Amino acid sequence: MSASTEGTGLSAAFGTRTGRVMAFDDALGAGHVRADVSDEAWYFHCTRIADGTRMIPIGTWVSFEVEPGPTGLEAVHLRRRT
């Protein structure tokens, strides 16, 4: 992760990121999103999609934050990017 593009310290760990939905299972209501810059991937639950739709297509470009969750770090506040 580059300090110039993602920040440093806690802002790098928990700041807003951009990426793409790499997997989403409608039946489970869960998926994975991969960050653009760091190439790291995080789990997310459909309740973490900001617009409340509970579904998001694979390949959708999003912005999101990473926060501690019940299963470890996970993506939250997923918002579609245009």
C-alpha atoms as a PDB file:
ATOM      1  CA  MET A   1       0.000   0.000   0.000  1.00  0.00           C
ATOM      2  CA  SER A   2       1.421   3.323  -1.011  1.00  0.00           C
ATOM      3  CA  ALA A   3       1.497   6.040   1.639  1.00  0.00           C
ATOM      4  CA  SER A   4       0.940   8.695  -1.012  1.00  0.00           C
ATOM      5  CA  THR A   5      -2.299   7.172  -2.302  1.00  0.00           C
ATOM      6  CA  GLU A   6      -3.848   5.441   0.708  1.00  0.00           C
ATOM      7  CA  GLY A   7      -2.565   7.429   3.722  1.00  0.00           C
ATOM      8  CA  THR A   8      -0.621   6.187   6.720  1.00  0.00           C
ATOM      9  CA  GLY A   9      -1.333   4.820  10.177  1.00  0.00           C
ATOM     10  CA  LEU A  10      -4.980   4.446  11.159  1.00  0.00           C
ATOM     11  CA  SER A  11      -6.186   6.414   8.129  1.00  0.00           C
ATOM     12  CA  ALA A  12      -4.552   3.776   5.906  1.00  0.00           C
ATOM     13  CA  ALA A  13      -6.015   0.949   7.947  1.00  0.00           C
ATOM     14  CA  PHE A  14      -9.564   2.288   8.222  1.00  0.00           C
ATOM     15  CA  GLY A  15      -9.906   5.046   5.592  1.00  0.00           C
ATOM     16  CA  THR A  16     -12.057   5.003   2.459  1.00  0.00           C
ATOM     17  CA  ARG A  17     -10.847   2.711  -0.325  1.00  0.00           C
ATOM     18  CA  THR A  18     -11.938   2.045  -3.874  1.00  0.00           C
ATOM     19  CA  GLY A  19     -12.209  -1.309  -5.554  1.00  0.00           C
ATOM     20  CA  ARG A  20     -14.377  -3.834  -7.330  1.00  0.00           C
ATOM     21  CA  VAL A  21     -16.824  -6.523  -6.215  1.00  0.00           C
ATOM     22  CA  MET A  22     -15.074  -9.784  -7.079  1.00  0.00           C
ATOM     23  CA  ALA A  23     -17.685 -12.233  -5.764  1.00  0.00           C
ATOM     24  CA  PHE A  24     -21.249 -12.089  -4.498  1.00  0.00           C
ATOM     25  CA  ASP A  25     -23.574 -14.951  -3.582  1.00  0.00           C
ATOM     26  CA  ASP A  26     -27.232 -13.848  -3.660  1.00  0.00           C
ATOM     27  CA  ALA A  27     -28.372 -16.835  -1.591  1.00  0.00           C
ATOM     28  CA  LEU A  28     -25.856 -16.162   1.196  1.00  0.00           C
ATOM     29  CA  GLY A  29     -26.028 -12.377   0.877  1.00  0.00           C
ATOM     30  CA  ALA A  30     -22.254 -12.116   1.098  1.00  0.00           C
ATOM     31  CA  GLY A  31     -19.299 -11.434  -1.134  1.00  0.00           C
ATOM     32  CA  HIS A  32     -15.756 -10.143  -1.484  1.00  0.00           C
ATOM     33  CA  VAL A  33     -14.423  -6.815  -2.682  1.00  0.00           C
ATOM     34  CA  ARG A  34     -10.828  -6.213  -3.870  1.00  0.00           C
ATOM     35  CA  ALA A  35      -9.083  -2.858  -3.383  1.00  0.00           C
ATOM     36  CA  ASP A  36      -7.630  -1.060  -6.426  1.00  0.00           C
ATOM     37  CA  VAL A  37      -4.348   0.043  -4.896  1.00  0.00           C
ATOM     38  CA  SER A  38      -3.352  -2.686  -2.447  1.00  0.00           C
ATOM     39  CA  ASP A  39      -4.953  -5.679  -4.225  1.00  0.00           C
ATOM     40  CA  GLU A  40      -6.226  -6.866  -0.818  1.00  0.00           C
ATOM     41  CA  ALA A  41      -9.674  -8.479  -0.605  1.00  0.00           C
ATOM     42  CA  TRP A  42     -12.279  -8.273   2.147  1.00  0.00           C
ATOM     43  CA  TYR A  43     -15.496 -10.100   2.958  1.00  0.00           C
ATOM     44  CA  PHE A  44     -18.719  -8.097   3.114  1.00  0.00           C
ATOM     45  CA  HIS A  45     -22.317  -8.890   4.036  1.00  0.00           C
ATOM     46  CA  CYS A  46     -25.241  -7.523   2.019  1.00  0.00           C
ATOM     47  CA  THR A  47     -26.339  -5.414   4.991  1.00  0.00           C
ATOM     48  CA  ARG A  48     -23.125  -3.403   4.477  1.00  0.00           C
ATOM     49  CA  ILE A  49     -24.235  -2.108   1.041  1.00  0.00           C
ATOM     50  CA  ALA A  50     -24.921   1.579   1.686  1.00  0.00           C
ATOM     51  CA  ASP A  51     -27.968   2.018  -0.571  1.00  0.00           C
ATOM     52  CA  GLY A  52     -29.882  -0.756   1.222  1.00  0.00           C
ATOM     53  CA  THR A  53     -30.437  -2.903  -1.893  1.00  0.00           C
ATOM     54  CA  ARG A  54     -28.836  -6.038  -0.379  1.00  0.00           C
ATOM     55  CA  MET A  55     -27.604  -7.104  -3.836  1.00  0.00           C
ATOM     56  CA  ILE A  56     -24.653  -5.921  -5.905  1.00  0.00           C
ATOM     57  CA  PRO A  57     -23.432  -7.325  -9.227  1.00  0.00           C
ATOM     58  CA  ILE A  58     -19.974  -8.855  -9.575  1.00  0.00           C
ATOM     59  CA  GLY A  59     -17.671  -6.349 -11.276  1.00  0.00           C
ATOM     60  CA  THR A  60     -19.314  -3.271  -9.737  1.00  0.00           C
ATOM     61  CA  TRP A  61     -16.822  -0.506  -8.904  1.00  0.00           C
ATOM     62  CA  VAL A  62     -17.303   0.644  -5.306  1.00  0.00           C
ATOM     63  CA  SER A  63     -15.876   2.785  -2.546  1.00  0.00           C
ATOM     64  CA  PHE A  64     -15.842   1.286   0.950  1.00  0.00           C
ATOM     65  CA  GLU A  65     -14.253   1.329   4.378  1.00  0.00           C
ATOM     66  CA  VAL A  66     -12.670  -1.563   6.268  1.00  0.00           C
ATOM     67  CA  GLU A  67     -13.695  -2.124   9.890  1.00  0.00           C
ATOM     68  CA  PRO A  68     -13.459  -4.922  12.423  1.00  0.00           C
ATOM     69  CA  GLY A  69     -16.467  -7.238  12.216  1.00  0.00           C
ATOM     70  CA  PRO A  70     -17.586 -10.535  13.733  1.00  0.00           C
ATOM     71  CA  THR A  71     -15.284 -12.533  11.437  1.00  0.00           C
ATOM     72  CA  GLY A  72     -12.293 -10.141  11.359  1.00  0.00           C
ATOM     73  CA  LEU A  73     -11.731  -7.113   9.132  1.00  0.00           C
ATOM     74  CA  GLU A  74     -14.515  -6.651   6.596  1.00  0.00           C
ATOM     75  CA  ALA A  75     -15.675  -4.128   4.005  1.00  0.00           C
ATOM     76  CA  VAL A  76     -18.504  -1.809   5.094  1.00  0.00           C
ATOM     77  CA  HIS A  77     -20.431   1.143   3.642  1.00  0.00           C
ATOM     78  CA  LEU A  78     -20.077  -0.146   0.053  1.00  0.00           C
ATOM     79  CA  ARG A  79     -21.155   2.599  -2.367  1.00  0.00           C
ATOM     80  CA  ARG A  80     -21.381   2.173  -6.132  1.00  0.00           C
ATOM     81  CA  ARG A  81     -18.998   4.376  -8.133  1.00  0.00           C
ATOM     82  CA  THR A  82     -19.805   5.783 -11.537  1.00  0.00           C
END
